[in-house]
PDB file of all heavy atoms in Angstrom:
ATOM      1  N   ILE A   1     -34.760   8.937   8.319  1.00  0.00           N
ATOM      2  CA  ILE A   1     -35.961   8.111   8.458  1.00  0.00           C
ATOM      3  C   ILE A   1     -36.253   7.376   7.151  1.00  0.00           C
ATOM      4  O   ILE A   1     -36.554   6.170   7.141  1.00  0.00           O
ATOM      5  CB  ILE A   1     -37.168   8.975   8.878  1.00  0.00           C
ATOM      6  CG1 ILE A   1     -36.933   9.556  10.278  1.00  0.00           C
ATOM      7  CG2 ILE A   1     -38.455   8.147   8.845  1.00  0.00           C
ATOM      8  CD1 ILE A   1     -37.980  10.567  10.699  1.00  0.00           C
ATOM      9  N   GLY A   2     -36.153   8.106   6.030  1.00  0.00           N
ATOM     10  CA  GLY A   2     -36.389   7.478   4.737  1.00  0.00           C
ATOM     11  C   GLY A   2     -35.411   6.351   4.461  1.00  0.00           C
ATOM     12  O   GLY A   2     -35.790   5.281   3.969  1.00  0.00           O
ATOM     13  N   ALA A   3     -34.141   6.567   4.798  1.00  0.00           N
ATOM     14  CA  ALA A   3     -33.136   5.527   4.595  1.00  0.00           C
ATOM     15  C   ALA A   3     -33.414   4.314   5.478  1.00  0.00           C
ATOM     16  O   ALA A   3     -33.255   3.164   5.044  1.00  0.00           O
ATOM     17  CB  ALA A   3     -31.748   6.081   4.905  1.00  0.00           C
ATOM     18  N   GLY A   4     -33.849   4.566   6.726  1.00  0.00           N
ATOM     19  CA  GLY A   4     -34.202   3.458   7.606  1.00  0.00           C
ATOM     20  C   GLY A   4     -35.347   2.630   7.051  1.00  0.00           C
ATOM     21  O   GLY A   4     -35.360   1.395   7.160  1.00  0.00           O
ATOM     22  N   LEU A   5     -36.313   3.287   6.412  1.00  0.00           N
ATOM     23  CA  LEU A   5     -37.429   2.574   5.790  1.00  0.00           C
ATOM     24  C   LEU A   5     -36.950   1.725   4.616  1.00  0.00           C
ATOM     25  O   LEU A   5     -37.446   0.603   4.406  1.00  0.00           O
ATOM     26  CB  LEU A   5     -38.498   3.569   5.331  1.00  0.00           C
ATOM     27  CG  LEU A   5     -39.244   4.301   6.447  1.00  0.00           C
ATOM     28  CD1 LEU A   5     -40.194   5.347   5.863  1.00  0.00           C
ATOM     29  CD2 LEU A   5     -40.029   3.302   7.313  1.00  0.00           C
ATOM     30  N   VAL A   6     -36.003   2.250   3.844  1.00  0.00           N
ATOM     31  CA  VAL A   6     -35.418   1.455   2.764  1.00  0.00           C
ATOM     32  C   VAL A   6     -34.757   0.203   3.334  1.00  0.00           C
ATOM     33  O   VAL A   6     -34.932  -0.911   2.824  1.00  0.00           O
ATOM     34  CB  VAL A   6     -34.393   2.280   1.960  1.00  0.00           C
ATOM     35  CG1 VAL A   6     -33.628   1.389   0.979  1.00  0.00           C
ATOM     36  CG2 VAL A   6     -35.086   3.406   1.207  1.00  0.00           C
ATOM     37  N   GLY A   7     -33.997   0.385   4.419  1.00  0.00           N
ATOM     38  CA  GLY A   7     -33.366  -0.765   5.061  1.00  0.00           C
ATOM     39  C   GLY A   7     -34.380  -1.776   5.551  1.00  0.00           C
ATOM     40  O   GLY A   7     -34.181  -2.984   5.428  1.00  0.00           O
ATOM     41  N   ALA A   8     -35.499  -1.289   6.098  1.00  0.00           N
ATOM     42  CA  ALA A   8     -36.546  -2.188   6.596  1.00  0.00           C
ATOM     43  C   ALA A   8     -37.172  -2.990   5.464  1.00  0.00           C
ATOM     44  O   ALA A   8     -37.455  -4.193   5.610  1.00  0.00           O
ATOM     45  CB  ALA A   8     -37.623  -1.373   7.321  1.00  0.00           C
ATOM     46  N   VAL A   9     -37.391  -2.344   4.318  1.00  0.00           N
ATOM     47  CA  VAL A   9     -37.957  -3.040   3.156  1.00  0.00           C
ATOM     48  C   VAL A   9     -37.010  -4.133   2.674  1.00  0.00           C
ATOM     49  O   VAL A   9     -37.441  -5.265   2.400  1.00  0.00           O
ATOM     50  CB  VAL A   9     -38.254  -2.037   2.024  1.00  0.00           C
ATOM     51  CG1 VAL A   9     -38.592  -2.769   0.730  1.00  0.00           C
ATOM     52  CG2 VAL A   9     -39.402  -1.108   2.414  1.00  0.00           C
ATOM     53  N   PHE A  10     -35.734  -3.824   2.581  1.00  0.00           N
ATOM     54  CA  PHE A  10     -34.766  -4.825   2.117  1.00  0.00           C
ATOM     55  C   PHE A  10     -34.578  -5.925   3.162  1.00  0.00           C
ATOM     56  O   PHE A  10     -34.303  -7.075   2.809  1.00  0.00           O
ATOM     57  CB  PHE A  10     -33.431  -4.157   1.775  1.00  0.00           C
ATOM     58  CG  PHE A  10     -33.362  -3.645   0.371  1.00  0.00           C
ATOM     59  CD1 PHE A  10     -33.987  -2.460   0.016  1.00  0.00           C
ATOM     60  CD2 PHE A  10     -32.691  -4.357  -0.616  1.00  0.00           C
ATOM     61  CE1 PHE A  10     -33.938  -1.984  -1.282  1.00  0.00           C
ATOM     62  CE2 PHE A  10     -32.634  -3.900  -1.919  1.00  0.00           C
ATOM     63  CZ  PHE A  10     -33.265  -2.708  -2.259  1.00  0.00           C
ATOM     64  N   TRP A  11     -34.699  -5.587   4.424  1.00  0.00           N
ATOM     65  CA  TRP A  11     -34.638  -6.609   5.473  1.00  0.00           C
ATOM     66  C   TRP A  11     -35.799  -7.584   5.308  1.00  0.00           C
ATOM     67  O   TRP A  11     -35.625  -8.807   5.398  1.00  0.00           O
ATOM     68  CB  TRP A  11     -34.683  -5.939   6.840  1.00  0.00           C
ATOM     69  CG  TRP A  11     -34.837  -6.877   8.011  1.00  0.00           C
ATOM     70  CD1 TRP A  11     -34.381  -8.159   8.098  1.00  0.00           C
ATOM     71  CD2 TRP A  11     -35.499  -6.601   9.247  1.00  0.00           C
ATOM     72  NE1 TRP A  11     -34.703  -8.711   9.311  1.00  0.00           N
ATOM     73  CE2 TRP A  11     -35.396  -7.780  10.042  1.00  0.00           C
ATOM     74  CE3 TRP A  11     -36.153  -5.493   9.768  1.00  0.00           C
ATOM     75  CZ2 TRP A  11     -35.942  -7.858  11.319  1.00  0.00           C
ATOM     76  CZ3 TRP A  11     -36.680  -5.572  11.045  1.00  0.00           C
ATOM     77  CH2 TRP A  11     -36.585  -6.741  11.808  1.00  0.00           C
ATOM     78  N   ALA A  12     -36.996  -7.062   5.038  1.00  0.00           N
ATOM     79  CA  ALA A  12     -38.173  -7.915   4.900  1.00  0.00           C
ATOM     80  C   ALA A  12     -38.155  -8.730   3.612  1.00  0.00           C
ATOM     81  O   ALA A  12     -38.670  -9.856   3.574  1.00  0.00           O
ATOM     82  CB  ALA A  12     -39.442  -7.056   4.946  1.00  0.00           C
ATOM     83  N   ALA A  13     -37.560  -8.172   2.557  1.00  0.00           N
ATOM     84  CA  ALA A  13     -37.638  -8.808   1.243  1.00  0.00           C
ATOM     85  C   ALA A  13     -36.437  -9.687   0.926  1.00  0.00           C
ATOM     86  O   ALA A  13     -36.462 -10.431  -0.065  1.00  0.00           O
ATOM     87  CB  ALA A  13     -37.782  -7.742   0.160  1.00  0.00           C
ATOM     88  N   THR A  14     -35.396  -9.625   1.745  1.00  0.00           N
ATOM     89  CA  THR A  14     -34.184 -10.389   1.467  1.00  0.00           C
ATOM     90  C   THR A  14     -33.757 -11.149   2.725  1.00  0.00           C
ATOM     91  O   THR A  14     -34.478 -11.163   3.729  1.00  0.00           O
ATOM     92  CB  THR A  14     -33.043  -9.457   1.026  1.00  0.00           C
ATOM     93  OG1 THR A  14     -32.629  -8.635   2.142  1.00  0.00           O
ATOM     94  CG2 THR A  14     -33.484  -8.557  -0.117  1.00  0.00           C
ATOM     95  N   GLU A  15     -32.590 -11.750   2.654  1.00  0.00           N
ATOM     96  CA  GLU A  15     -32.050 -12.487   3.797  1.00  0.00           C
ATOM     97  C   GLU A  15     -31.171 -11.600   4.676  1.00  0.00           C
ATOM     98  O   GLU A  15     -30.501 -12.088   5.578  1.00  0.00           O
ATOM     99  CB  GLU A  15     -31.242 -13.679   3.301  1.00  0.00           C
ATOM    100  CG  GLU A  15     -32.079 -14.710   2.537  1.00  0.00           C
ATOM    101  CD  GLU A  15     -31.255 -15.885   2.062  1.00  0.00           C
ATOM    102  OE1 GLU A  15     -30.019 -15.865   2.279  1.00  0.00           O
ATOM    103  OE2 GLU A  15     -31.832 -16.805   1.477  1.00  0.00           O
ATOM    104  N   ALA A  16     -31.179 -10.319   4.423  1.00  0.00           N
ATOM    105  CA  ALA A  16     -30.392  -9.395   5.243  1.00  0.00           C
ATOM    106  C   ALA A  16     -30.951  -9.343   6.661  1.00  0.00           C
ATOM    107  O   ALA A  16     -32.147  -9.536   6.888  1.00  0.00           O
ATOM    108  CB  ALA A  16     -30.400  -8.007   4.619  1.00  0.00           C
ATOM    109  N   GLY A  17     -30.092  -9.053   7.606  1.00  0.00           N
ATOM    110  CA  GLY A  17     -30.515  -8.973   9.004  1.00  0.00           C
ATOM    111  C   GLY A  17     -31.033  -7.596   9.366  1.00  0.00           C
ATOM    112  O   GLY A  17     -30.937  -6.643   8.590  1.00  0.00           O
ATOM    113  N   PRO A  18     -31.581  -7.445  10.559  1.00  0.00           N
ATOM    114  CA  PRO A  18     -32.142  -6.156  10.997  1.00  0.00           C
ATOM    115  C   PRO A  18     -31.108  -5.052  11.123  1.00  0.00           C
ATOM    116  O   PRO A  18     -31.468  -3.873  11.143  1.00  0.00           O
ATOM    117  CB  PRO A  18     -32.768  -6.490  12.359  1.00  0.00           C
ATOM    118  CG  PRO A  18     -32.050  -7.717  12.825  1.00  0.00           C
ATOM    119  CD  PRO A  18     -31.743  -8.495  11.584  1.00  0.00           C
ATOM    120  N   ILE A  19     -29.830  -5.434  11.200  1.00  0.00           N
ATOM    121  CA  ILE A  19     -28.788  -4.407  11.281  1.00  0.00           C
ATOM    122  C   ILE A  19     -28.784  -3.537  10.038  1.00  0.00           C
ATOM    123  O   ILE A  19     -28.245  -2.425  10.031  1.00  0.00           O
ATOM    124  CB  ILE A  19     -27.398  -5.058  11.487  1.00  0.00           C
ATOM    125  CG1 ILE A  19     -26.379  -3.999  11.937  1.00  0.00           C
ATOM    126  CG2 ILE A  19     -26.936  -5.754  10.216  1.00  0.00           C
ATOM    127  CD1 ILE A  19     -25.021  -4.580  12.287  1.00  0.00           C
ATOM    128  N   LEU A  20     -29.421  -4.031   8.971  1.00  0.00           N
ATOM    129  CA  LEU A  20     -29.463  -3.265   7.732  1.00  0.00           C
ATOM    130  C   LEU A  20     -30.182  -1.930   7.921  1.00  0.00           C
ATOM    131  O   LEU A  20     -29.878  -0.953   7.226  1.00  0.00           O
ATOM    132  CB  LEU A  20     -30.157  -4.081   6.635  1.00  0.00           C
ATOM    133  CG  LEU A  20     -30.072  -3.512   5.216  1.00  0.00           C
ATOM    134  CD1 LEU A  20     -28.626  -3.465   4.755  1.00  0.00           C
ATOM    135  CD2 LEU A  20     -30.908  -4.336   4.250  1.00  0.00           C
ATOM    136  N   ILE A  21     -31.127  -1.871   8.858  1.00  0.00           N
ATOM    137  CA  ILE A  21     -31.837  -0.609   9.102  1.00  0.00           C
ATOM    138  C   ILE A  21     -30.873   0.444   9.643  1.00  0.00           C
ATOM    139  O   ILE A  21     -30.818   1.582   9.153  1.00  0.00           O
ATOM    140  CB  ILE A  21     -33.000  -0.833  10.080  1.00  0.00           C
ATOM    141  CG1 ILE A  21     -34.034  -1.784   9.468  1.00  0.00           C
ATOM    142  CG2 ILE A  21     -33.652   0.503  10.445  1.00  0.00           C
ATOM    143  CD1 ILE A  21     -35.161  -2.146  10.411  1.00  0.00           C
ATOM    144  N   LEU A  22     -30.106   0.064  10.662  1.00  0.00           N
ATOM    145  CA  LEU A  22     -29.135   1.003  11.231  1.00  0.00           C
ATOM    146  C   LEU A  22     -28.038   1.339  10.231  1.00  0.00           C
ATOM    147  O   LEU A  22     -27.600   2.497  10.146  1.00  0.00           O
ATOM    148  CB  LEU A  22     -28.525   0.411  12.502  1.00  0.00           C
ATOM    149  CG  LEU A  22     -29.473   0.249  13.698  1.00  0.00           C
ATOM    150  CD1 LEU A  22     -28.739  -0.404  14.868  1.00  0.00           C
ATOM    151  CD2 LEU A  22     -30.046   1.605  14.110  1.00  0.00           C
ATOM    152  N   LEU A  23     -27.604   0.337   9.473  1.00  0.00           N
ATOM    153  CA  LEU A  23     -26.567   0.586   8.469  1.00  0.00           C
ATOM    154  C   LEU A  23     -27.077   1.548   7.406  1.00  0.00           C
ATOM    155  O   LEU A  23     -26.351   2.440   6.963  1.00  0.00           O
ATOM    156  CB  LEU A  23     -26.125  -0.728   7.820  1.00  0.00           C
ATOM    157  CG  LEU A  23     -25.013  -0.617   6.769  1.00  0.00           C
ATOM    158  CD1 LEU A  23     -23.747  -0.030   7.384  1.00  0.00           C
ATOM    159  CD2 LEU A  23     -24.721  -1.979   6.149  1.00  0.00           C
ATOM    160  N   SER A  24     -28.326   1.387   7.009  1.00  0.00           N
ATOM    161  CA  SER A  24     -28.918   2.292   6.007  1.00  0.00           C
ATOM    162  C   SER A  24     -28.926   3.726   6.517  1.00  0.00           C
ATOM    163  O   SER A  24     -28.621   4.670   5.770  1.00  0.00           O
ATOM    164  CB  SER A  24     -30.342   1.846   5.668  1.00  0.00           C
ATOM    165  OG  SER A  24     -30.358   0.561   5.082  1.00  0.00           O
ATOM    166  N   MET A  25     -29.268   3.915   7.777  1.00  0.00           N
ATOM    167  CA  MET A  25     -29.306   5.261   8.347  1.00  0.00           C
ATOM    168  C   MET A  25     -27.895   5.842   8.472  1.00  0.00           C
ATOM    169  O   MET A  25     -27.692   7.043   8.252  1.00  0.00           O
ATOM    170  CB  MET A  25     -30.010   5.229   9.702  1.00  0.00           C
ATOM    171  CG  MET A  25     -31.460   4.785   9.611  1.00  0.00           C
ATOM    172  SD  MET A  25     -32.318   4.687  11.209  1.00  0.00           S
ATOM    173  CE  MET A  25     -32.606   6.437  11.536  1.00  0.00           C
ATOM    174  N   PHE A  26     -26.923   5.003   8.792  1.00  0.00           N
ATOM    175  CA  PHE A  26     -25.541   5.485   8.872  1.00  0.00           C
ATOM    176  C   PHE A  26     -25.017   5.861   7.491  1.00  0.00           C
ATOM    177  O   PHE A  26     -24.349   6.890   7.320  1.00  0.00           O
ATOM    178  CB  PHE A  26     -24.643   4.413   9.496  1.00  0.00           C
ATOM    179  CG  PHE A  26     -23.211   4.851   9.653  1.00  0.00           C
ATOM    180  CD1 PHE A  26     -22.853   5.751  10.641  1.00  0.00           C
ATOM    181  CD2 PHE A  26     -22.226   4.371   8.808  1.00  0.00           C
ATOM    182  CE1 PHE A  26     -21.531   6.165  10.788  1.00  0.00           C
ATOM    183  CE2 PHE A  26     -20.907   4.779   8.941  1.00  0.00           C
ATOM    184  CZ  PHE A  26     -20.561   5.679   9.930  1.00  0.00           C
ATOM    185  N   ILE A  27     -25.338   5.035   6.480  1.00  0.00           N
ATOM    186  CA  ILE A  27     -24.921   5.337   5.115  1.00  0.00           C
ATOM    187  C   ILE A  27     -25.625   6.603   4.629  1.00  0.00           C
ATOM    188  O   ILE A  27     -25.063   7.406   3.870  1.00  0.00           O
ATOM    189  CB  ILE A  27     -25.213   4.149   4.190  1.00  0.00           C
ATOM    190  CG1 ILE A  27     -24.300   2.969   4.555  1.00  0.00           C
ATOM    191  CG2 ILE A  27     -25.014   4.530   2.729  1.00  0.00           C
ATOM    192  CD1 ILE A  27     -22.826   3.255   4.413  1.00  0.00           C
ATOM    193  N   SER A  28     -26.874   6.800   5.067  1.00  0.00           N
ATOM    194  CA  SER A  28     -27.592   8.035   4.746  1.00  0.00           C
ATOM    195  C   SER A  28     -26.819   9.246   5.261  1.00  0.00           C
ATOM    196  O   SER A  28     -26.635  10.242   4.536  1.00  0.00           O
ATOM    197  CB  SER A  28     -28.993   8.006   5.372  1.00  0.00           C
ATOM    198  OG  SER A  28     -29.630   9.263   5.274  1.00  0.00           O
ATOM    199  N   PHE A  29     -26.368   9.162   6.502  1.00  0.00           N
ATOM    200  CA  PHE A  29     -25.586  10.256   7.089  1.00  0.00           C
ATOM    201  C   PHE A  29     -24.284  10.459   6.325  1.00  0.00           C
ATOM    202  O   PHE A  29     -23.871  11.600   6.065  1.00  0.00           O
ATOM    203  CB  PHE A  29     -25.304   9.950   8.556  1.00  0.00           C
ATOM    204  CG  PHE A  29     -24.408  10.959   9.220  1.00  0.00           C
ATOM    205  CD1 PHE A  29     -24.866  12.233   9.514  1.00  0.00           C
ATOM    206  CD2 PHE A  29     -23.096  10.642   9.541  1.00  0.00           C
ATOM    207  CE1 PHE A  29     -24.046  13.167  10.123  1.00  0.00           C
ATOM    208  CE2 PHE A  29     -22.267  11.559  10.147  1.00  0.00           C
ATOM    209  CZ  PHE A  29     -22.737  12.832  10.443  1.00  0.00           C
ATOM    210  N   ALA A  30     -23.631   9.349   5.931  1.00  0.00           N
ATOM    211  CA  ALA A  30     -22.380   9.459   5.165  1.00  0.00           C
ATOM    212  C   ALA A  30     -22.626  10.153   3.833  1.00  0.00           C
ATOM    213  O   ALA A  30     -21.818  10.971   3.383  1.00  0.00           O
ATOM    214  CB  ALA A  30     -21.788   8.070   4.941  1.00  0.00           C
ATOM    215  N   GLY A  31     -23.761   9.817   3.202  1.00  0.00           N
ATOM    216  CA  GLY A  31     -24.100  10.478   1.950  1.00  0.00           C
ATOM    217  C   GLY A  31     -24.336  11.966   2.145  1.00  0.00           C
ATOM    218  O   GLY A  31     -23.916  12.794   1.329  1.00  0.00           O
ATOM    219  N   GLN A  32     -25.009  12.319   3.220  1.00  0.00           N
ATOM    220  CA  GLN A  32     -25.232  13.737   3.518  1.00  0.00           C
ATOM    221  C   GLN A  32     -23.914  14.465   3.746  1.00  0.00           C
ATOM    222  O   GLN A  32     -23.757  15.622   3.349  1.00  0.00           O
ATOM    223  CB  GLN A  32     -26.136  13.870   4.741  1.00  0.00           C
ATOM    224  CG  GLN A  32     -27.574  13.432   4.486  1.00  0.00           C
ATOM    225  CD  GLN A  32     -28.377  13.327   5.767  1.00  0.00           C
ATOM    226  OE1 GLN A  32     -27.837  13.173   6.861  1.00  0.00           O
ATOM    227  NE2 GLN A  32     -29.699  13.407   5.646  1.00  0.00           N
ATOM    228  N   MET A  33     -22.958  13.795   4.369  1.00  0.00           N
ATOM    229  CA  MET A  33     -21.658  14.416   4.582  1.00  0.00           C
ATOM    230  C   MET A  33     -20.902  14.580   3.262  1.00  0.00           C
ATOM    231  O   MET A  33     -20.142  15.543   3.085  1.00  0.00           O
ATOM    232  CB  MET A  33     -20.817  13.572   5.554  1.00  0.00           C
ATOM    233  CG  MET A  33     -21.326  13.597   6.986  1.00  0.00           C
ATOM    234  SD  MET A  33     -21.397  15.279   7.718  1.00  0.00           S
ATOM    235  CE  MET A  33     -23.145  15.670   7.485  1.00  0.00           C
ATOM    236  N   GLY A  34     -21.116  13.641   2.327  1.00  0.00           N
ATOM    237  CA  GLY A  34     -20.542  13.810   0.997  1.00  0.00           C
ATOM    238  C   GLY A  34     -21.110  15.035   0.313  1.00  0.00           C
ATOM    239  O   GLY A  34     -20.386  15.810  -0.333  1.00  0.00           O
ATOM    240  N   ASP A  35     -22.412  15.229   0.473  1.00  0.00           N
ATOM    241  CA  ASP A  35     -23.080  16.410  -0.071  1.00  0.00           C
ATOM    242  C   ASP A  35     -22.544  17.685   0.590  1.00  0.00           C
ATOM    243  O   ASP A  35     -22.261  18.693  -0.080  1.00  0.00           O
ATOM    244  CB  ASP A  35     -24.584  16.285   0.165  1.00  0.00           C
ATOM    245  CG  ASP A  35     -25.387  17.337  -0.570  1.00  0.00           C
ATOM    246  OD1 ASP A  35     -24.790  18.146  -1.296  1.00  0.00           O
ATOM    247  OD2 ASP A  35     -26.616  17.346  -0.417  1.00  0.00           O
ATOM    248  N   ILE A  36     -22.399  17.634   1.908  1.00  0.00           N
ATOM    249  CA  ILE A  36     -21.876  18.785   2.648  1.00  0.00           C
ATOM    250  C   ILE A  36     -20.452  19.111   2.202  1.00  0.00           C
ATOM    251  O   ILE A  36     -20.084  20.287   2.038  1.00  0.00           O
ATOM    252  CB  ILE A  36     -21.892  18.494   4.165  1.00  0.00           C
ATOM    253  CG1 ILE A  36     -23.322  18.493   4.700  1.00  0.00           C
ATOM    254  CG2 ILE A  36     -21.033  19.499   4.917  1.00  0.00           C
ATOM    255  CD1 ILE A  36     -23.969  19.845   4.787  1.00  0.00           C
ATOM    256  N   ALA A  37     -19.636  18.075   1.991  1.00  0.00           N
ATOM    257  CA  ALA A  37     -18.243  18.294   1.585  1.00  0.00           C
ATOM    258  C   ALA A  37     -18.182  19.007   0.238  1.00  0.00           C
ATOM    259  O   ALA A  37     -17.389  19.938   0.049  1.00  0.00           O
ATOM    260  CB  ALA A  37     -17.501  16.962   1.515  1.00  0.00           C
ATOM    261  N   GLU A  38     -19.034  18.577  -0.699  1.00  0.00           N
ATOM    262  CA  GLU A  38     -19.019  19.236  -2.007  1.00  0.00           C
ATOM    263  C   GLU A  38     -19.570  20.652  -1.909  1.00  0.00           C
ATOM    264  O   GLU A  38     -19.087  21.562  -2.581  1.00  0.00           O
ATOM    265  CB  GLU A  38     -19.830  18.427  -3.020  1.00  0.00           C
ATOM    266  CG  GLU A  38     -19.448  18.733  -4.467  1.00  0.00           C
ATOM    267  CD  GLU A  38     -20.617  19.224  -5.297  1.00  0.00           C
ATOM    268  OE1 GLU A  38     -21.747  19.255  -4.780  1.00  0.00           O
ATOM    269  OE2 GLU A  38     -20.397  19.606  -6.459  1.00  0.00           O
TER     270      GLU A  38
END
């Protein structure tokens, strides 16, 4: 949820599209998996 909010802020403040919200949440999950791997 926090990552999605970051994506929403950057979507509103930049020329990025709304897909940035979903991408942010997916990257959040990838980061969590990096943490899990370590």
